[in-house]
N, C-alpha and C. Protein backbone atom coordinates (compact mmCIF):
# COMPACT_ATOMS: atom_id res chain seq x y z
N UNK A 1 0.62 -1.32 0.10
CA UNK A 1 0.00 0.00 0.09
C UNK A 1 1.00 1.22 -0.13
N UNK A 2 1.96 1.34 0.83
CA UNK A 2 2.75 2.21 0.94
C UNK A 2 3.51 2.59 -0.42
N UNK A 3 3.93 1.47 -1.35
CA UNK A 3 4.60 1.67 -2.33
C UNK A 3 3.33 2.30 -3.52
N UNK A 4 2.24 1.82 -3.69
CA UNK A 4 1.20 2.09 -4.41
C UNK A 4 1.03 3.39 -4.10
N UNK A 5 0.95 4.17 -3.11
CA UNK A 5 0.33 5.48 -2.69
C UNK A 5 1.63 6.71 -3.13
N UNK A 6 3.02 5.70 -2.87
CA UNK A 6 4.10 6.63 -3.20
C UNK A 6 4.15 6.90 -4.84
N UNK A 7 3.78 5.79 -5.44
CA UNK A 7 4.31 5.67 -6.75
C UNK A 7 2.93 6.65 -7.40
N UNK A 8 1.53 7.24 -6.85
CA UNK A 8 0.74 8.35 -7.13
C UNK A 8 0.94 9.37 -6.74
N UNK A 9 2.07 9.47 -5.87
CA UNK A 9 2.46 11.00 -5.69
C UNK A 9 1.95 11.24 -3.95
N UNK A 10 1.65 10.23 -3.63
CA UNK A 10 0.98 10.81 -2.25
C UNK A 10 2.23 10.40 -1.07
N UNK A 11 2.37 11.31 -0.24
CA UNK A 11 3.34 10.77 0.83
C UNK A 11 2.69 10.86 1.98
N UNK A 12 1.11 10.96 2.45
CA UNK A 12 0.83 10.88 3.61
C UNK A 12 0.88 9.34 4.17
N UNK A 13 0.94 8.39 3.46
CA UNK A 13 1.41 7.09 4.02
C UNK A 13 2.45 6.86 4.62
N UNK A 14 3.46 7.34 3.71
CA UNK A 14 4.80 7.41 4.78
C UNK A 14 4.97 8.14 5.86
N UNK A 15 4.15 9.27 6.03
CA UNK A 15 3.84 10.12 6.79
C UNK A 15 3.50 9.29 8.35
N UNK A 16 2.44 8.37 7.95
CA UNK A 16 1.59 7.73 8.91
C UNK A 16 2.47 6.60 9.63
N UNK A 17 3.00 6.10 8.57
CA UNK A 17 4.21 5.02 9.19
C UNK A 17 5.22 5.79 10.14
N UNK A 18 5.63 6.89 9.56
CA UNK A 18 6.91 7.60 10.38
C UNK A 18 6.37 7.99 11.93
N UNK A 19 5.07 8.50 11.79
CA UNK A 19 4.59 9.38 12.90
C UNK A 19 4.27 7.72 13.96
N UNK A 20 3.63 6.96 13.47
CA UNK A 20 3.27 5.79 14.20
C UNK A 20 4.54 5.25 14.61
N UNK A 21 5.61 5.23 14.00
CA UNK A 21 7.07 4.39 14.64
C UNK A 21 7.88 5.56 15.67
N UNK A 22 7.84 6.63 15.36
CA UNK A 22 8.23 7.50 16.32
C UNK A 22 7.09 8.07 17.63
N UNK A 23 6.28 7.31 17.77
CA UNK A 23 4.74 7.50 18.75
C UNK A 23 4.26 8.69 18.69
N UNK A 24 4.43 9.48 17.42
CA UNK A 24 3.56 11.04 17.68
C UNK A 24 2.23 10.66 17.25
N UNK A 25 1.81 10.21 16.30
CA UNK A 25 0.32 9.96 16.41
C UNK A 25 0.31 8.31 16.48
N UNK A 26 -0.76 7.90 17.27
CA UNK A 26 -0.84 6.19 17.56
C UNK A 26 -2.51 6.18 17.45
N UNK A 27 -3.19 6.75 17.44
CA UNK A 27 -4.58 6.79 17.21
C UNK A 27 -5.33 6.21 18.35
N UNK A 28 -4.96 6.37 19.52
CA UNK A 28 -5.09 5.95 20.91
C UNK A 28 -5.70 6.93 21.76
N UNK A 29 -6.18 8.02 21.29
CA UNK A 29 -6.74 9.06 22.39
C UNK A 29 -8.51 8.49 22.13
N UNK A 30 -9.00 9.06 23.11
CA UNK A 30 -10.59 8.93 23.32
C UNK A 30 -11.41 9.53 21.90
N UNK A 31 -11.59 8.41 21.18
CA UNK A 31 -12.59 8.65 20.02
C UNK A 31 -11.49 8.22 18.38
N UNK A 32 -10.60 8.07 19.40
CA UNK A 32 -9.49 7.83 17.76
C UNK A 32 -9.11 6.77 17.34
N UNK A 33 -9.16 6.23 16.21
CA UNK A 33 -8.77 4.61 15.56
C UNK A 33 -8.11 4.91 14.23
N UNK A 34 -7.66 3.70 13.99
CA UNK A 34 -6.95 3.56 12.85
C UNK A 34 -7.69 2.33 12.38
N UNK A 35 -7.96 2.37 10.75
CA UNK A 35 -8.96 1.24 10.43
C UNK A 35 -8.58 0.77 9.35
N UNK A 36 -8.79 -0.43 8.84
CA UNK A 36 -8.37 -1.10 7.71
C UNK A 36 -9.48 -1.26 6.85
N UNK A 37 -9.39 -1.19 5.43
CA UNK A 37 -10.57 -2.09 4.82
C UNK A 37 -10.11 -3.40 3.86
N UNK A 38 -10.83 -4.14 3.72
CA UNK A 38 -10.20 -5.49 3.25
C UNK A 38 -11.35 -6.01 2.33
N UNK A 39 -10.68 -6.55 1.27
CA UNK A 39 -11.28 -7.28 0.39
C UNK A 39 -10.83 -8.66 0.61
N UNK A 40 -11.55 -9.69 0.03
CA UNK A 40 -11.06 -10.91 0.72
C UNK A 40 -9.88 -11.71 1.26
N UNK A 41 -9.75 -10.78 2.60
CA UNK A 41 -8.73 -10.88 3.68
C UNK A 41 -7.27 -10.11 3.04
N UNK A 42 -7.43 -9.32 1.98
CA UNK A 42 -6.35 -8.46 1.28
C UNK A 42 -6.73 -7.09 1.90
N UNK A 43 -5.76 -6.48 2.42
CA UNK A 43 -5.69 -4.95 2.93
C UNK A 43 -5.83 -3.71 1.59
N UNK A 44 -6.96 -3.37 1.72
CA UNK A 44 -6.90 -2.25 0.18
C UNK A 44 -7.07 -1.03 0.43
N UNK A 45 -7.27 -0.75 2.00
CA UNK A 45 -7.74 0.78 2.27
C UNK A 45 -7.22 0.95 3.63
N UNK A 46 -6.63 2.23 4.23
CA UNK A 46 -6.63 2.42 5.34
C UNK A 46 -7.08 3.82 5.43
N UNK A 47 -7.52 4.49 6.86
CA UNK A 47 -8.03 5.55 7.34
C UNK A 47 -7.73 5.81 8.99
N UNK A 48 -7.95 6.78 9.21
CA UNK A 48 -7.61 7.07 10.78
C UNK A 48 -8.65 8.24 11.00
N UNK A 49 -8.55 8.41 12.24
CA UNK A 49 -9.43 9.68 12.99
C UNK A 49 -8.87 9.84 14.37
N UNK A 50 -8.60 11.45 14.55
CA UNK A 50 -8.03 11.45 15.70
C UNK A 50 -8.82 13.03 16.04
N UNK A 51 -8.35 13.65 17.36
CA UNK A 51 -9.00 14.85 17.50
C UNK A 51 -8.34 16.05 16.53
N UNK A 52 -8.62 16.95 16.05
CA UNK A 52 -8.01 17.59 15.37
C UNK A 52 -7.10 18.51 15.80
N UNK A 53 -5.80 18.13 15.41
CA UNK A 53 -4.33 19.02 16.18
C UNK A 53 -4.44 20.38 15.72
N UNK A 54 -5.30 21.03 14.71
CA UNK A 54 -5.56 22.30 14.17
C UNK A 54 -6.80 23.38 14.74
N UNK A 55 -7.23 22.59 15.39
CA UNK A 55 -8.73 23.51 16.46
C UNK A 55 -8.80 23.27 17.90
N UNK A 56 -9.27 24.73 18.01
CA UNK A 56 -9.11 24.84 19.69
C UNK A 56 -10.38 23.77 20.24
N UNK A 57 -11.45 23.13 19.65
CA UNK A 57 -12.62 22.53 20.13
C UNK A 57 -12.05 21.21 20.35
N UNK A 58 -12.37 20.47 21.45
CA UNK A 58 -12.50 19.16 21.73
C UNK A 58 -13.27 18.23 20.76
N UNK A 59 -14.40 19.23 20.32
CA UNK A 59 -15.48 18.38 19.48
C UNK A 59 -15.29 18.01 17.75
N UNK A 60 -13.84 18.72 17.38
CA UNK A 60 -13.69 18.57 16.06
C UNK A 60 -12.69 17.42 15.74
N UNK A 61 -12.95 16.38 15.09
CA UNK A 61 -12.28 15.46 14.97
C UNK A 61 -11.85 15.60 13.26
N UNK A 62 -10.71 14.80 13.42
CA UNK A 62 -9.84 14.87 11.78
C UNK A 62 -9.48 13.63 10.90
N UNK A 63 -10.22 13.49 9.88
CA UNK A 63 -10.09 11.86 9.28
C UNK A 63 -8.90 12.32 8.63
N UNK A 64 -7.95 11.17 8.70
CA UNK A 64 -6.40 11.25 8.10
C UNK A 64 -6.23 10.06 7.72
N UNK A 65 -5.00 10.46 6.75
CA UNK A 65 -4.75 9.26 6.05
C UNK A 65 -5.64 8.41 5.09
N UNK A 66 -6.74 8.78 4.91
CA UNK A 66 -7.86 7.75 4.07
C UNK A 66 -7.22 7.69 2.95
N UNK A 67 -6.60 6.50 2.45
CA UNK A 67 -6.01 5.61 1.19
C UNK A 67 -6.69 4.23 1.09
N UNK A 68 -7.06 4.23 -0.49
CA UNK A 68 -7.79 3.15 -0.87
C UNK A 68 -6.98 2.82 -2.10
N UNK A 69 -6.34 1.65 -2.51
CA UNK A 69 -5.52 1.39 -3.24
C UNK A 69 -6.29 1.51 -4.96
N UNK A 70 -5.39 1.89 -5.75
CA UNK A 70 -6.23 2.31 -6.99
C UNK A 70 -7.05 1.07 -7.80
N UNK A 71 -6.44 -0.17 -7.72
CA UNK A 71 -7.46 -1.18 -8.18
C UNK A 71 -9.18 -1.61 -7.24
N UNK A 72 -8.77 -1.04 -5.99
CA UNK A 72 -10.03 -1.18 -5.19
C UNK A 72 -10.84 -0.08 -5.08
N UNK A 73 -10.72 0.75 -5.53
CA UNK A 73 -11.33 2.07 -5.85
C UNK A 73 -12.76 1.93 -6.78
N UNK A 74 -13.69 2.84 -6.35
CA UNK A 74 -15.23 2.55 -7.16
C UNK A 74 -15.93 1.25 -6.57
N UNK A 75 -15.53 0.55 -5.52
CA UNK A 75 -16.43 -0.78 -5.43
C UNK A 75 -17.00 -0.46 -3.62
N UNK A 76 -16.78 0.57 -3.23
CA UNK A 76 -17.16 1.00 -2.19
C UNK A 76 -16.71 0.98 -0.78
N UNK A 77 -15.39 0.30 -1.03
CA UNK A 77 -14.59 0.67 0.07
C UNK A 77 -14.40 1.85 0.78
N UNK A 78 -14.10 2.36 -0.04
CA UNK A 78 -13.75 3.85 0.81
C UNK A 78 -14.73 4.69 1.44
N UNK A 79 -15.97 4.30 1.07
CA UNK A 79 -17.51 4.95 1.42
C UNK A 79 -17.38 3.98 2.73
N UNK A 80 -17.44 2.77 2.87
CA UNK A 80 -17.29 1.82 3.77
C UNK A 80 -16.78 2.42 5.37
N UNK A 81 -15.43 2.36 4.44
CA UNK A 81 -14.08 3.08 5.43
C UNK A 81 -14.25 4.26 6.32
N UNK A 82 -14.86 5.45 5.71
CA UNK A 82 -15.20 6.67 6.14
C UNK A 82 -16.66 6.86 7.13
N UNK A 83 -17.22 5.64 6.70
CA UNK A 83 -18.70 5.82 7.41
C UNK A 83 -18.43 4.90 8.60
N UNK A 84 -17.39 4.07 8.83
CA UNK A 84 -16.90 3.72 9.98
C UNK A 84 -16.39 4.35 10.84
N UNK A 85 -15.31 5.33 10.19
CA UNK A 85 -14.43 6.25 10.99
C UNK A 85 -15.60 7.17 11.73
N UNK A 86 -17.01 7.74 10.85
CA UNK A 86 -17.93 8.34 11.18
C UNK A 86 -18.37 7.75 12.55
N UNK A 87 -18.74 6.63 12.20
CA UNK A 87 -19.39 5.79 13.25
C UNK A 87 -18.67 5.91 14.89
N UNK A 88 -17.10 5.54 14.68
CA UNK A 88 -16.35 5.63 15.48
C UNK A 88 -16.20 7.12 16.55
N UNK A 89 -16.75 8.31 15.70
CA UNK A 89 -16.86 9.55 16.14
C UNK A 89 -18.18 9.94 16.91
N UNK A 90 -18.84 9.10 16.64
CA UNK A 90 -20.06 9.48 17.37
C UNK A 90 -19.76 9.43 19.17
N UNK A 91 -20.24 10.44 19.39
CA UNK A 91 -19.94 10.39 21.18
C UNK A 91 -18.72 10.97 21.62
N UNK A 92 -17.85 11.31 20.52
CA UNK A 92 -16.73 12.01 21.01
C UNK A 92 -16.65 13.20 20.16
N UNK A 93 -17.16 13.21 18.97
CA UNK A 93 -17.09 14.22 18.10
C UNK A 93 -18.33 15.24 17.65
N UNK A 94 -18.35 16.16 17.00
CA UNK A 94 -19.82 16.81 16.61
C UNK A 94 -19.27 17.43 15.45
N UNK A 95 -18.25 17.33 14.73
CA UNK A 95 -18.03 17.59 13.51
C UNK A 95 -16.34 16.78 12.86
N UNK A 96 -16.52 16.50 11.84
CA UNK A 96 -15.05 16.11 11.43
C UNK A 96 -14.58 16.89 10.22
N UNK A 97 -13.23 16.93 10.06
CA UNK A 97 -12.64 17.78 9.03
C UNK A 97 -12.14 16.89 8.61
N UNK A 98 -11.57 17.45 7.45
CA UNK A 98 -10.16 16.72 6.71
C UNK A 98 -9.64 17.47 5.65
N UNK A 99 -8.21 17.44 4.90
CA UNK A 99 -7.57 18.05 4.16
C UNK A 99 -7.20 17.26 3.16
N UNK A 100 -7.53 17.72 1.77
CA UNK A 100 -7.58 16.66 0.50
C UNK A 100 -6.85 17.80 -0.56
N UNK A 101 -6.03 16.89 -1.61
CA UNK A 101 -5.44 17.97 -2.04
C UNK A 101 -5.68 17.36 -3.74
N UNK A 102 -6.71 16.49 -3.64
CA UNK A 102 -6.86 16.22 -5.42
C UNK A 102 -8.69 16.26 -5.62
N UNK A 103 -8.77 16.67 -6.81
CA UNK A 103 -10.04 17.05 -7.07
C UNK A 103 -10.97 15.84 -6.74
N UNK A 104 -10.56 14.50 -7.47
CA UNK A 104 -10.83 13.14 -6.85
C UNK A 104 -11.72 13.16 -5.90
N UNK A 105 -10.43 13.24 -4.59
CA UNK A 105 -11.00 13.29 -3.39
C UNK A 105 -11.86 14.23 -2.99
N UNK A 106 -11.92 15.09 -3.28
CA UNK A 106 -12.66 16.33 -2.91
C UNK A 106 -14.11 15.83 -3.52
N UNK A 107 -14.44 15.38 -4.61
CA UNK A 107 -15.57 14.92 -5.12
C UNK A 107 -16.02 13.57 -4.31
N UNK A 108 -15.06 12.68 -4.06
CA UNK A 108 -15.85 11.65 -3.10
C UNK A 108 -16.00 11.84 -1.72
N UNK A 109 -15.47 12.85 -1.06
CA UNK A 109 -16.02 13.16 0.23
C UNK A 109 -17.29 14.21 0.12
N UNK A 110 -17.08 15.23 -0.62
CA UNK A 110 -18.49 15.73 -1.01
C UNK A 110 -19.86 15.04 -1.37
N UNK A 111 -19.61 14.08 -2.26
CA UNK A 111 -20.63 13.01 -2.48
C UNK A 111 -20.88 12.34 -0.63
N UNK A 112 -20.22 12.18 0.11
CA UNK A 112 -20.25 11.74 1.16
C UNK A 112 -20.90 12.63 2.30
N UNK A 113 -21.23 14.01 1.64
CA UNK A 113 -21.87 14.93 2.85
C UNK A 113 -21.12 15.89 3.43
N UNK A 114 -19.86 15.37 2.79
CA UNK A 114 -18.74 16.89 3.20
C UNK A 114 -18.80 18.30 2.60
N UNK A 115 -18.71 19.34 3.31
CA UNK A 115 -18.73 20.59 2.66
C UNK A 115 -17.48 21.44 2.51
N UNK A 116 -17.12 21.83 1.46
CA UNK A 116 -15.89 22.37 1.03
C UNK A 116 -15.92 23.68 2.02
N UNK A 117 -14.77 23.62 2.41
CA UNK A 117 -14.49 24.61 3.26
C UNK A 117 -13.40 26.23 2.58
N UNK A 118 -13.80 27.42 3.24
CA UNK A 118 -12.79 28.18 2.10
C UNK A 118 -11.49 28.13 2.11
N UNK A 119 -10.61 28.30 1.09
CA UNK A 119 -9.20 28.25 0.55
C UNK A 119 -8.61 29.10 2.01
N UNK A 120 -7.28 28.18 2.27
CA UNK A 120 -6.19 28.93 3.06
C UNK A 120 -6.46 28.45 4.58
N UNK A 121 -7.45 27.46 4.83
CA UNK A 121 -7.49 27.15 6.37
C UNK A 121 -6.49 25.59 6.45
N UNK A 122 -6.99 25.14 7.46
CA UNK A 122 -5.91 23.98 8.25
C UNK A 122 -6.67 22.40 7.42
N UNK A 123 -8.04 23.07 6.86
CA UNK A 123 -9.10 21.55 6.35
C UNK A 123 -9.61 22.40 5.36
N UNK A 124 -10.16 21.27 4.30
CA UNK A 124 -10.69 21.55 2.88
C UNK A 124 -12.06 21.34 3.21
N UNK A 125 -12.28 20.26 3.76
CA UNK A 125 -14.02 20.27 3.97
C UNK A 125 -14.12 19.66 5.55
N UNK A 126 -15.55 20.05 5.90
CA UNK A 126 -16.12 19.56 7.21
C UNK A 126 -17.20 18.88 6.75
N UNK A 127 -18.02 18.30 8.42
CA UNK A 127 -18.99 17.67 8.21
C UNK A 127 -19.72 17.66 9.34
N UNK A 128 -20.84 17.88 9.83
CA UNK A 128 -21.15 17.66 11.20
C UNK A 128 -21.81 16.50 11.33
N UNK A 129 -21.51 16.02 12.16
CA UNK A 129 -21.62 14.46 12.88
C UNK A 129 -22.80 14.55 14.37
N UNK A 130 -23.61 13.93 14.57
CA UNK A 130 -24.57 13.48 15.64
C UNK A 130 -23.70 13.83 16.83
N UNK A 131 -24.30 14.51 17.80
CA UNK A 131 -23.83 14.56 19.25
C UNK A 131 -23.83 12.96 19.99
N UNK A 132 -23.67 12.97 20.93
CA UNK A 132 -23.97 11.70 21.71
C UNK A 132 -25.62 11.74 21.86
N UNK A 133 -26.13 12.77 22.44
CA UNK A 133 -27.33 12.90 22.38
C UNK A 133 -28.62 12.92 21.50
N UNK A 134 -27.90 13.24 20.08
CA UNK A 134 -28.67 12.65 18.85
C UNK A 134 -28.64 11.78 18.29
N UNK A 135 -27.76 10.84 18.54
CA UNK A 135 -27.39 9.47 18.25
C UNK A 135 -27.31 9.46 16.77
N UNK A 136 -27.28 8.61 16.20
CA UNK A 136 -26.62 8.58 14.44
C UNK A 136 -27.69 9.32 13.70
N UNK A 137 -28.76 9.77 14.12
CA UNK A 137 -29.92 10.30 13.23
C UNK A 137 -29.19 11.78 12.31
N UNK A 138 -28.13 12.06 12.77
CA UNK A 138 -27.68 13.47 12.02
C UNK A 138 -26.62 12.86 11.07
N UNK A 139 -26.19 11.68 11.17
CA UNK A 139 -25.02 11.25 10.28
C UNK A 139 -25.54 11.26 9.01
């Protein structure tokens, strides 16, 4: 997966590995998770959720390092992965943000209900999710 992402010009999976190995980001805080997406027992996608390090609000989570292998795209694995991350966020975060720099990824997230943010901030998209009191109805 690292080789495929690097071949596409993405550095975020190498950052994921480096941060994990250095103990910087371990996805072990309240509501934080690192998930894999599988097809026929093969890892084809990865994505994480952390507290947003760029926000002053504890209610903001950040989708991080979401990647789907090129040959697994378009089959719903990415959607299932993001929805699982959103479910993990329930009760911990009231909104999720993310940063992407490709039009294809922006389109993907927008199709899932993420709203583009003004250029120049720390995130490119956001989505309000349910609070603990609201349950899953607001997702």
